[in-house]
Full PDB file with SEQRES, HELIX, SHEET, SSBOND, CRYST1, ORIGX, SCALE, CONECT and MASTER records, all heavy atoms in Angstrom:
SEQRES   1 A   31  LEU ALA SER PRO SER THR PRO ALA HIS ARG ARG ILE GLN          
SEQRES   2 A   31  VAL ILE LYS GLU GLY ARG ARG THR LEU ILE GLU HIS GLY          
SEQRES   3 A   31  GLU ALA LYS ARG TRP                                          
HELIX    1 AA1 HIS A   25  ARG A   30  1                                   6    
SHEET    1 AA1 2 ILE A  15  GLU A  17  0                                        
SHEET    2 AA1 2 ARG A  20  LEU A  22 -1                                        
CRYST1    1.000    1.000    1.000  90.00  90.00  90.00 P 1           1          
ORIGX1      1.000000  0.000000  0.000000        0.00000                         
ORIGX2      0.000000  1.000000  0.000000        0.00000                         
ORIGX3      0.000000  0.000000  1.000000        0.00000                         
SCALE1      1.000000  0.000000  0.000000        0.00000                         
SCALE2      0.000000  1.000000  0.000000        0.00000                         
SCALE3      0.000000  0.000000  1.000000        0.00000                         
ATOM      1  N   LEU A   1     121.076  96.832  86.658  1.00  0.00           N  
ATOM      2  CA  LEU A   1     120.713  98.225  86.388  1.00  0.00           C  
ATOM      3  C   LEU A   1     121.234  99.172  87.458  1.00  0.00           C  
ATOM      4  O   LEU A   1     121.157 100.391  87.298  1.00  0.00           O  
ATOM      5  CB  LEU A   1     119.193  98.367  86.252  1.00  0.00           C  
ATOM      6  CG  LEU A   1     118.584  97.692  85.015  1.00  0.00           C  
ATOM      7  CD1 LEU A   1     117.064  97.756  85.065  1.00  0.00           C  
ATOM      8  CD2 LEU A   1     119.103  98.345  83.744  1.00  0.00           C  
ATOM      9  N   ALA A   2     121.742  98.627  88.561  1.00  0.00           N  
ATOM     10  CA  ALA A   2     122.365  99.470  89.591  1.00  0.00           C  
ATOM     11  C   ALA A   2     123.848  99.693  89.310  1.00  0.00           C  
ATOM     12  O   ALA A   2     124.523 100.411  90.051  1.00  0.00           O  
ATOM     13  CB  ALA A   2     122.185  98.826  90.963  1.00  0.00           C  
ATOM     14  N   SER A   3     124.354  99.113  88.227  1.00  0.00           N  
ATOM     15  CA  SER A   3     125.770  99.258  87.870  1.00  0.00           C  
ATOM     16  C   SER A   3     126.062 100.672  87.375  1.00  0.00           C  
ATOM     17  O   SER A   3     125.239 101.279  86.687  1.00  0.00           O  
ATOM     18  CB  SER A   3     126.125  98.246  86.774  1.00  0.00           C  
ATOM     19  OG  SER A   3     127.391  98.534  86.222  1.00  0.00           O  
ATOM     20  N   PRO A   4     127.246 101.214  87.712  1.00  0.00           N  
ATOM     21  CA  PRO A   4     127.626 102.554  87.224  1.00  0.00           C  
ATOM     22  C   PRO A   4     127.671 102.638  85.697  1.00  0.00           C  
ATOM     23  O   PRO A   4     127.581 103.733  85.138  1.00  0.00           O  
ATOM     24  CB  PRO A   4     129.027 102.754  87.820  1.00  0.00           C  
ATOM     25  CG  PRO A   4     129.062 101.858  89.017  1.00  0.00           C  
ATOM     26  CD  PRO A   4     128.234 100.668  88.650  1.00  0.00           C  
ATOM     27  N   SER A   5     127.799 101.499  85.024  1.00  0.00           N  
ATOM     28  CA  SER A   5     127.864 101.509  83.559  1.00  0.00           C  
ATOM     29  C   SER A   5     126.490 101.649  82.902  1.00  0.00           C  
ATOM     30  O   SER A   5     126.393 101.853  81.693  1.00  0.00           O  
ATOM     31  CB  SER A   5     128.538 100.224  83.055  1.00  0.00           C  
ATOM     32  OG  SER A   5     127.775  99.085  83.439  1.00  0.00           O  
ATOM     33  N   THR A   6     125.428 101.541  83.690  1.00  0.00           N  
ATOM     34  CA  THR A   6     124.075 101.678  83.147  1.00  0.00           C  
ATOM     35  C   THR A   6     123.803 103.139  82.807  1.00  0.00           C  
ATOM     36  O   THR A   6     124.151 104.031  83.588  1.00  0.00           O  
ATOM     37  CB  THR A   6     123.032 101.193  84.181  1.00  0.00           C  
ATOM     38  OG1 THR A   6     123.315  99.833  84.527  1.00  0.00           O  
ATOM     39  CG2 THR A   6     121.621 101.298  83.626  1.00  0.00           C  
ATOM     40  N   PRO A   7     123.206 103.431  81.659  1.00  0.00           N  
ATOM     41  CA  PRO A   7     122.851 104.816  81.317  1.00  0.00           C  
ATOM     42  C   PRO A   7     122.066 105.477  82.443  1.00  0.00           C  
ATOM     43  O   PRO A   7     121.245 104.826  83.106  1.00  0.00           O  
ATOM     44  CB  PRO A   7     121.996 104.658  80.053  1.00  0.00           C  
ATOM     45  CG  PRO A   7     122.458 103.374  79.448  1.00  0.00           C  
ATOM     46  CD  PRO A   7     122.823 102.479  80.598  1.00  0.00           C  
ATOM     47  N   ALA A   8     122.316 106.753  82.651  1.00  0.00           N  
ATOM     48  CA  ALA A   8     121.769 107.460  83.812  1.00  0.00           C  
ATOM     49  C   ALA A   8     120.248 107.361  83.913  1.00  0.00           C  
ATOM     50  O   ALA A   8     119.698 107.221  85.011  1.00  0.00           O  
ATOM     51  CB  ALA A   8     122.200 108.920  83.769  1.00  0.00           C  
ATOM     52  N   HIS A   9     119.550 107.425  82.782  1.00  0.00           N  
ATOM     53  CA  HIS A   9     118.082 107.447  82.845  1.00  0.00           C  
ATOM     54  C   HIS A   9     117.500 106.093  83.261  1.00  0.00           C  
ATOM     55  O   HIS A   9     116.343 106.018  83.685  1.00  0.00           O  
ATOM     56  CB  HIS A   9     117.495 107.879  81.497  1.00  0.00           C  
ATOM     57  CG  HIS A   9     117.582 106.841  80.420  1.00  0.00           C  
ATOM     58  ND1 HIS A   9     118.771 106.540  79.779  1.00  0.00           N  
ATOM     59  CD2 HIS A   9     116.639 106.010  79.887  1.00  0.00           C  
ATOM     60  CE1 HIS A   9     118.553 105.596  78.887  1.00  0.00           C  
ATOM     61  NE2 HIS A   9     117.277 105.252  78.931  1.00  0.00           N  
ATOM     62  N   ARG A  10     118.312 105.031  83.154  1.00  0.00           N  
ATOM     63  CA  ARG A  10     117.837 103.697  83.524  1.00  0.00           C  
ATOM     64  C   ARG A  10     118.483 103.189  84.811  1.00  0.00           C  
ATOM     65  O   ARG A  10     118.054 102.182  85.365  1.00  0.00           O  
ATOM     66  CB  ARG A  10     118.122 102.698  82.398  1.00  0.00           C  
ATOM     67  CG  ARG A  10     117.412 103.009  81.085  1.00  0.00           C  
ATOM     68  CD  ARG A  10     117.430 101.805  80.179  1.00  0.00           C  
ATOM     69  NE  ARG A  10     116.643 100.718  80.742  1.00  0.00           N  
ATOM     70  CZ  ARG A  10     116.850  99.426  80.473  1.00  0.00           C  
ATOM     71  NH1 ARG A  10     117.840  99.077  79.678  1.00  0.00           N  
ATOM     72  NH2 ARG A  10     116.090  98.496  81.011  1.00  0.00           N  
ATOM     73  N   ARG A  11     119.490 103.893  85.286  1.00  0.00           N  
ATOM     74  CA  ARG A  11     120.248 103.416  86.443  1.00  0.00           C  
ATOM     75  C   ARG A  11     119.433 103.521  87.723  1.00  0.00           C  
ATOM     76  O   ARG A  11     118.689 104.476  87.938  1.00  0.00           O  
ATOM     77  CB  ARG A  11     121.543 104.204  86.586  1.00  0.00           C  
ATOM     78  CG  ARG A  11     122.494 103.656  87.665  1.00  0.00           C  
ATOM     79  CD  ARG A  11     123.717 104.533  87.784  1.00  0.00           C  
ATOM     80  NE  ARG A  11     124.299 104.784  86.474  1.00  0.00           N  
ATOM     81  CZ  ARG A  11     124.886 105.921  86.126  1.00  0.00           C  
ATOM     82  NH1 ARG A  11     124.960 106.912  86.995  1.00  0.00           N  
ATOM     83  NH2 ARG A  11     125.390 106.065  84.910  1.00  0.00           N  
ATOM     84  N   ILE A  12     119.593 102.522  88.578  1.00  0.00           N  
ATOM     85  CA  ILE A  12     118.955 102.516  89.893  1.00  0.00           C  
ATOM     86  C   ILE A  12     119.986 102.938  90.924  1.00  0.00           C  
ATOM     87  O   ILE A  12     121.039 102.314  91.055  1.00  0.00           O  
ATOM     88  CB  ILE A  12     118.414 101.118  90.229  1.00  0.00           C  
ATOM     89  CG1 ILE A  12     117.388 100.661  89.195  1.00  0.00           C  
ATOM     90  CG2 ILE A  12     117.794 101.102  91.624  1.00  0.00           C  
ATOM     91  CD1 ILE A  12     116.986  99.202  89.326  1.00  0.00           C  
ATOM     92  N   GLN A  13     119.683 103.995  91.662  1.00  0.00           N  
ATOM     93  CA  GLN A  13     120.565 104.466  92.725  1.00  0.00           C  
ATOM     94  C   GLN A  13     120.278 103.669  93.995  1.00  0.00           C  
ATOM     95  O   GLN A  13     119.117 103.516  94.390  1.00  0.00           O  
ATOM     96  CB  GLN A  13     120.346 105.955  92.983  1.00  0.00           C  
ATOM     97  CG  GLN A  13     120.583 106.842  91.779  1.00  0.00           C  
ATOM     98  CD  GLN A  13     122.035 106.834  91.338  1.00  0.00           C  
ATOM     99  OE1 GLN A  13     122.951 106.594  92.132  1.00  0.00           O  
ATOM    100  NE2 GLN A  13     122.261 107.088  90.053  1.00  0.00           N  
ATOM    101  N   VAL A  14     121.314 103.155  94.610  1.00  0.00           N  
ATOM    102  CA  VAL A  14     121.137 102.309  95.792  1.00  0.00           C  
ATOM    103  C   VAL A  14     121.801 102.938  97.013  1.00  0.00           C  
ATOM    104  O   VAL A  14     122.619 103.851  96.898  1.00  0.00           O  
ATOM    105  CB  VAL A  14     121.710 100.895  95.559  1.00  0.00           C  
ATOM    106  CG1 VAL A  14     120.984 100.209  94.409  1.00  0.00           C  
ATOM    107  CG2 VAL A  14     123.210 100.943  95.303  1.00  0.00           C  
ATOM    108  N   ILE A  15     121.413 102.425  98.181  1.00  0.00           N  
ATOM    109  CA  ILE A  15     122.028 102.829  99.436  1.00  0.00           C  
ATOM    110  C   ILE A  15     122.458 101.571 100.181  1.00  0.00           C  
ATOM    111  O   ILE A  15     122.003 100.465  99.874  1.00  0.00           O  
ATOM    112  CB  ILE A  15     121.054 103.652 100.321  1.00  0.00           C  
ATOM    113  CG1 ILE A  15     119.813 102.807 100.677  1.00  0.00           C  
ATOM    114  CG2 ILE A  15     120.659 104.952  99.626  1.00  0.00           C  
ATOM    115  CD1 ILE A  15     118.922 103.449 101.722  1.00  0.00           C  
ATOM    116  N   LYS A  16     123.331 101.732 101.139  1.00  0.00           N  
ATOM    117  CA  LYS A  16     123.763 100.619 101.985  1.00  0.00           C  
ATOM    118  C   LYS A  16     123.209 100.825 103.390  1.00  0.00           C  
ATOM    119  O   LYS A  16     123.283 101.919 103.952  1.00  0.00           O  
ATOM    120  CB  LYS A  16     125.290 100.552 102.033  1.00  0.00           C  
ATOM    121  CG  LYS A  16     125.936 100.016 100.772  1.00  0.00           C  
ATOM    122  CD  LYS A  16     125.728  98.502 100.657  1.00  0.00           C  
ATOM    123  CE  LYS A  16     126.548  97.919  99.522  1.00  0.00           C  
ATOM    124  NZ  LYS A  16     126.353  96.449  99.421  1.00  0.00           N  
ATOM    125  N   GLU A  17     122.665  99.756 103.934  1.00  0.00           N  
ATOM    126  CA  GLU A  17     122.215  99.767 105.326  1.00  0.00           C  
ATOM    127  C   GLU A  17     122.777  98.512 105.972  1.00  0.00           C  
ATOM    128  O   GLU A  17     122.221  97.432 105.834  1.00  0.00           O  
ATOM    129  CB  GLU A  17     120.692  99.805 105.409  1.00  0.00           C  
ATOM    130  CG  GLU A  17     120.178 100.024 106.824  1.00  0.00           C  
ATOM    131  CD  GLU A  17     118.683 100.241 106.875  1.00  0.00           C  
ATOM    132  OE1 GLU A  17     118.230 101.356 106.545  1.00  0.00           O  
ATOM    133  OE2 GLU A  17     117.967  99.283 107.248  1.00  0.00           O  
ATOM    134  N   GLY A  18     123.899  98.672 106.642  1.00  0.00           N  
ATOM    135  CA  GLY A  18     124.610  97.496 107.134  1.00  0.00           C  
ATOM    136  C   GLY A  18     125.140  96.711 105.956  1.00  0.00           C  
ATOM    137  O   GLY A  18     125.816  97.250 105.087  1.00  0.00           O  
ATOM    138  N   ARG A  19     124.797  95.439 105.892  1.00  0.00           N  
ATOM    139  CA  ARG A  19     125.242  94.582 104.789  1.00  0.00           C  
ATOM    140  C   ARG A  19     124.224  94.531 103.645  1.00  0.00           C  
ATOM    141  O   ARG A  19     124.452  93.873 102.640  1.00  0.00           O  
ATOM    142  CB  ARG A  19     125.493  93.171 105.315  1.00  0.00           C  
ATOM    143  CG  ARG A  19     126.561  93.107 106.409  1.00  0.00           C  
ATOM    144  CD  ARG A  19     126.734  91.721 106.964  1.00  0.00           C  
ATOM    145  NE  ARG A  19     127.248  90.795 105.967  1.00  0.00           N  
ATOM    146  CZ  ARG A  19     127.496  89.508 106.213  1.00  0.00           C  
ATOM    147  NH1 ARG A  19     127.261  89.011 107.411  1.00  0.00           N  
ATOM    148  NH2 ARG A  19     127.967  88.725 105.260  1.00  0.00           N  
ATOM    149  N   ARG A  20     123.118  95.240 103.804  1.00  0.00           N  
ATOM    150  CA  ARG A  20     122.055  95.183 102.804  1.00  0.00           C  
ATOM    151  C   ARG A  20     122.180  96.315 101.789  1.00  0.00           C  
ATOM    152  O   ARG A  20     122.531  97.445 102.134  1.00  0.00           O  
ATOM    153  CB  ARG A  20     120.681  95.255 103.470  1.00  0.00           C  
ATOM    154  CG  ARG A  20     120.409  94.152 104.458  1.00  0.00           C  
ATOM    155  CD  ARG A  20     119.028  94.290 105.081  1.00  0.00           C  
ATOM    156  NE  ARG A  20     117.967  94.064 104.106  1.00  0.00           N  
ATOM    157  CZ  ARG A  20     116.670  94.191 104.386  1.00  0.00           C  
ATOM    158  NH1 ARG A  20     116.294  94.554 105.608  1.00  0.00           N  
ATOM    159  NH2 ARG A  20     115.752  93.970 103.468  1.00  0.00           N  
ATOM    160  N   THR A  21     121.884  95.999 100.544  1.00  0.00           N  
ATOM    161  CA  THR A  21     121.803  96.995  99.489  1.00  0.00           C  
ATOM    162  C   THR A  21     120.326  97.244  99.210  1.00  0.00           C  
ATOM    163  O   THR A  21     119.576  96.303  98.901  1.00  0.00           O  
ATOM    164  CB  THR A  21     122.499  96.505  98.207  1.00  0.00           C  
ATOM    165  OG1 THR A  21     123.868  96.228  98.500  1.00  0.00           O  
ATOM    166  CG2 THR A  21     122.426  97.568  97.116  1.00  0.00           C  
ATOM    167  N   LEU A  22     119.901  98.492  99.327  1.00  0.00           N  
ATOM    168  CA  LEU A  22     118.485  98.823  99.247  1.00  0.00           C  
ATOM    169  C   LEU A  22     118.253 100.004  98.316  1.00  0.00           C  
ATOM    170  O   LEU A  22     119.181 100.726  97.948  1.00  0.00           O  
ATOM    171  CB  LEU A  22     117.940  99.148 100.640  1.00  0.00           C  
ATOM    172  CG  LEU A  22     118.012  98.015 101.685  1.00  0.00           C  
ATOM    173  CD1 LEU A  22     117.798  98.575 103.082  1.00  0.00           C  
ATOM    174  CD2 LEU A  22     116.985  96.929 101.379  1.00  0.00           C  
ATOM    175  N   ILE A  23     117.003 100.197  97.951  1.00  0.00           N  
ATOM    176  CA  ILE A  23     116.602 101.333  97.125  1.00  0.00           C  
ATOM    177  C   ILE A  23     115.617 102.162  97.935  1.00  0.00           C  
ATOM    178  O   ILE A  23     114.621 101.631  98.457  1.00  0.00           O  
ATOM    179  CB  ILE A  23     115.926 100.854  95.816  1.00  0.00           C  
ATOM    180  CG1 ILE A  23     116.885  99.949  95.019  1.00  0.00           C  
ATOM    181  CG2 ILE A  23     115.520 102.049  94.965  1.00  0.00           C  
ATOM    182  CD1 ILE A  23     116.577  98.484  95.135  1.00  0.00           C  
ATOM    183  N   GLU A  24     115.901 103.454  98.069  1.00  0.00           N  
ATOM    184  CA  GLU A  24     115.002 104.319  98.819  1.00  0.00           C  
ATOM    185  C   GLU A  24     113.655 104.428  98.108  1.00  0.00           C  
ATOM    186  O   GLU A  24     113.558 104.279  96.882  1.00  0.00           O  
ATOM    187  CB  GLU A  24     115.626 105.702  98.988  1.00  0.00           C  
ATOM    188  CG  GLU A  24     116.819 105.718  99.924  1.00  0.00           C  
ATOM    189  CD  GLU A  24     117.380 107.118 100.117  1.00  0.00           C  
ATOM    190  OE1 GLU A  24     117.416 107.877  99.120  1.00  0.00           O  
ATOM    191  OE2 GLU A  24     117.778 107.435 101.255  1.00  0.00           O  
ATOM    192  N   HIS A  25     112.620 104.725  98.893  1.00  0.00           N  
ATOM    193  CA  HIS A  25     111.260 104.771  98.349  1.00  0.00           C  
ATOM    194  C   HIS A  25     111.152 105.747  97.180  1.00  0.00           C  
ATOM    195  O   HIS A  25     110.595 105.417  96.123  1.00  0.00           O  
ATOM    196  CB  HIS A  25     110.272 105.153  99.455  1.00  0.00           C  
ATOM    197  CG  HIS A  25     108.843 105.153  99.005  1.00  0.00           C  
ATOM    198  ND1 HIS A  25     108.267 106.226  98.357  1.00  0.00           N  
ATOM    199  CD2 HIS A  25     107.884 104.199  99.087  1.00  0.00           C  
ATOM    200  CE1 HIS A  25     107.008 105.936  98.070  1.00  0.00           C  
ATOM    201  NE2 HIS A  25     106.749 104.715  98.500  1.00  0.00           N  
ATOM    202  N   GLY A  26     111.674 106.943  97.359  1.00  0.00           N  
ATOM    203  CA  GLY A  26     111.586 107.940  96.297  1.00  0.00           C  
ATOM    204  C   GLY A  26     112.293 107.507  95.023  1.00  0.00           C  
ATOM    205  O   GLY A  26     111.806 107.756  93.906  1.00  0.00           O  
ATOM    206  N   GLU A  27     113.435 106.846  95.168  1.00  0.00           N  
ATOM    207  CA  GLU A  27     114.179 106.372  94.008  1.00  0.00           C  
ATOM    208  C   GLU A  27     113.433 105.232  93.320  1.00  0.00           C  
ATOM    209  O   GLU A  27     113.383 105.164  92.081  1.00  0.00           O  
ATOM    210  CB  GLU A  27     115.572 105.905  94.428  1.00  0.00           C  
ATOM    211  CG  GLU A  27     116.377 105.191  93.356  1.00  0.00           C  
ATOM    212  CD  GLU A  27     116.700 106.037  92.145  1.00  0.00           C  
ATOM    213  OE1 GLU A  27     116.415 107.257  92.142  1.00  0.00           O  
ATOM    214  OE2 GLU A  27     117.248 105.470  91.177  1.00  0.00           O  
ATOM    215  N   ALA A  28     112.861 104.329  94.101  1.00  0.00           N  
ATOM    216  CA  ALA A  28     112.089 103.232  93.509  1.00  0.00           C  
ATOM    217  C   ALA A  28     110.902 103.767  92.721  1.00  0.00           C  
ATOM    218  O   ALA A  28     110.633 103.318  91.601  1.00  0.00           O  
ATOM    219  CB  ALA A  28     111.614 102.280  94.611  1.00  0.00           C  
ATOM    220  N   LYS A  29     110.226 104.724  93.288  1.00  0.00           N  
ATOM    221  CA  LYS A  29     109.059 105.314  92.615  1.00  0.00           C  
ATOM    222  C   LYS A  29     109.484 106.034  91.338  1.00  0.00           C  
ATOM    223  O   LYS A  29     108.834 105.932  90.296  1.00  0.00           O  
ATOM    224  CB  LYS A  29     108.350 106.272  93.572  1.00  0.00           C  
ATOM    225  CG  LYS A  29     106.999 106.756  93.091  1.00  0.00           C  
ATOM    226  CD  LYS A  29     106.283 107.526  94.189  1.00  0.00           C  
ATOM    227  CE  LYS A  29     104.881 107.911  93.742  1.00  0.00           C  
ATOM    228  NZ  LYS A  29     104.143 108.617  94.826  1.00  0.00           N  
ATOM    229  N   ARG A  30     110.589 106.793  91.414  1.00  0.00           N  
ATOM    230  CA  ARG A  30     111.091 107.513  90.236  1.00  0.00           C  
ATOM    231  C   ARG A  30     111.474 106.542  89.132  1.00  0.00           C  
ATOM    232  O   ARG A  30     111.102 106.719  87.972  1.00  0.00           O  
ATOM    233  CB  ARG A  30     112.321 108.352  90.624  1.00  0.00           C  
ATOM    234  CG  ARG A  30     112.952 109.106  89.446  1.00  0.00           C  
ATOM    235  CD  ARG A  30     114.411 109.405  89.680  1.00  0.00           C  
ATOM    236  NE  ARG A  30     115.247 108.200  89.704  1.00  0.00           N  
ATOM    237  CZ  ARG A  30     115.645 107.545  88.603  1.00  0.00           C  
ATOM    238  NH1 ARG A  30     115.262 107.941  87.412  1.00  0.00           N  
ATOM    239  NH2 ARG A  30     116.413 106.466  88.720  1.00  0.00           N  
ATOM    240  N   TRP A  31     112.212 105.483  89.502  1.00  0.00           N  
ATOM    241  CA  TRP A  31     112.698 104.549  88.495  1.00  0.00           C  
ATOM    242  C   TRP A  31     111.546 103.788  87.850  1.00  0.00           C  
ATOM    243  O   TRP A  31     111.526 103.604  86.628  1.00  0.00           O  
ATOM    244  CB  TRP A  31     113.692 103.572  89.124  1.00  0.00           C  
ATOM    245  CG  TRP A  31     114.295 102.654  88.105  1.00  0.00           C  
ATOM    246  CD1 TRP A  31     115.378 102.884  87.317  1.00  0.00           C  
ATOM    247  CD2 TRP A  31     113.783 101.359  87.742  1.00  0.00           C  
ATOM    248  NE1 TRP A  31     115.594 101.815  86.483  1.00  0.00           N  
ATOM    249  CE2 TRP A  31     114.637 100.864  86.719  1.00  0.00           C  
ATOM    250  CE3 TRP A  31     112.707 100.578  88.167  1.00  0.00           C  
ATOM    251  CZ2 TRP A  31     114.442  99.640  86.120  1.00  0.00           C  
ATOM    252  CZ3 TRP A  31     112.509  99.344  87.570  1.00  0.00           C  
ATOM    253  CH2 TRP A  31     113.357  98.880  86.564  1.00  0.00           C  
TER     254      TRP A  31                                                      
MASTER        0    0    0    1    2    0    0    6  253    1    0    3          
END                                                                             
């Protein structure tokens, strides 16, 4: 669901922190 091909309303926006892929708190709550 973090893929760019996922429809916008279902897509999970991610961030990079070093080698880790994470979801910010606000984005997790929204999703």
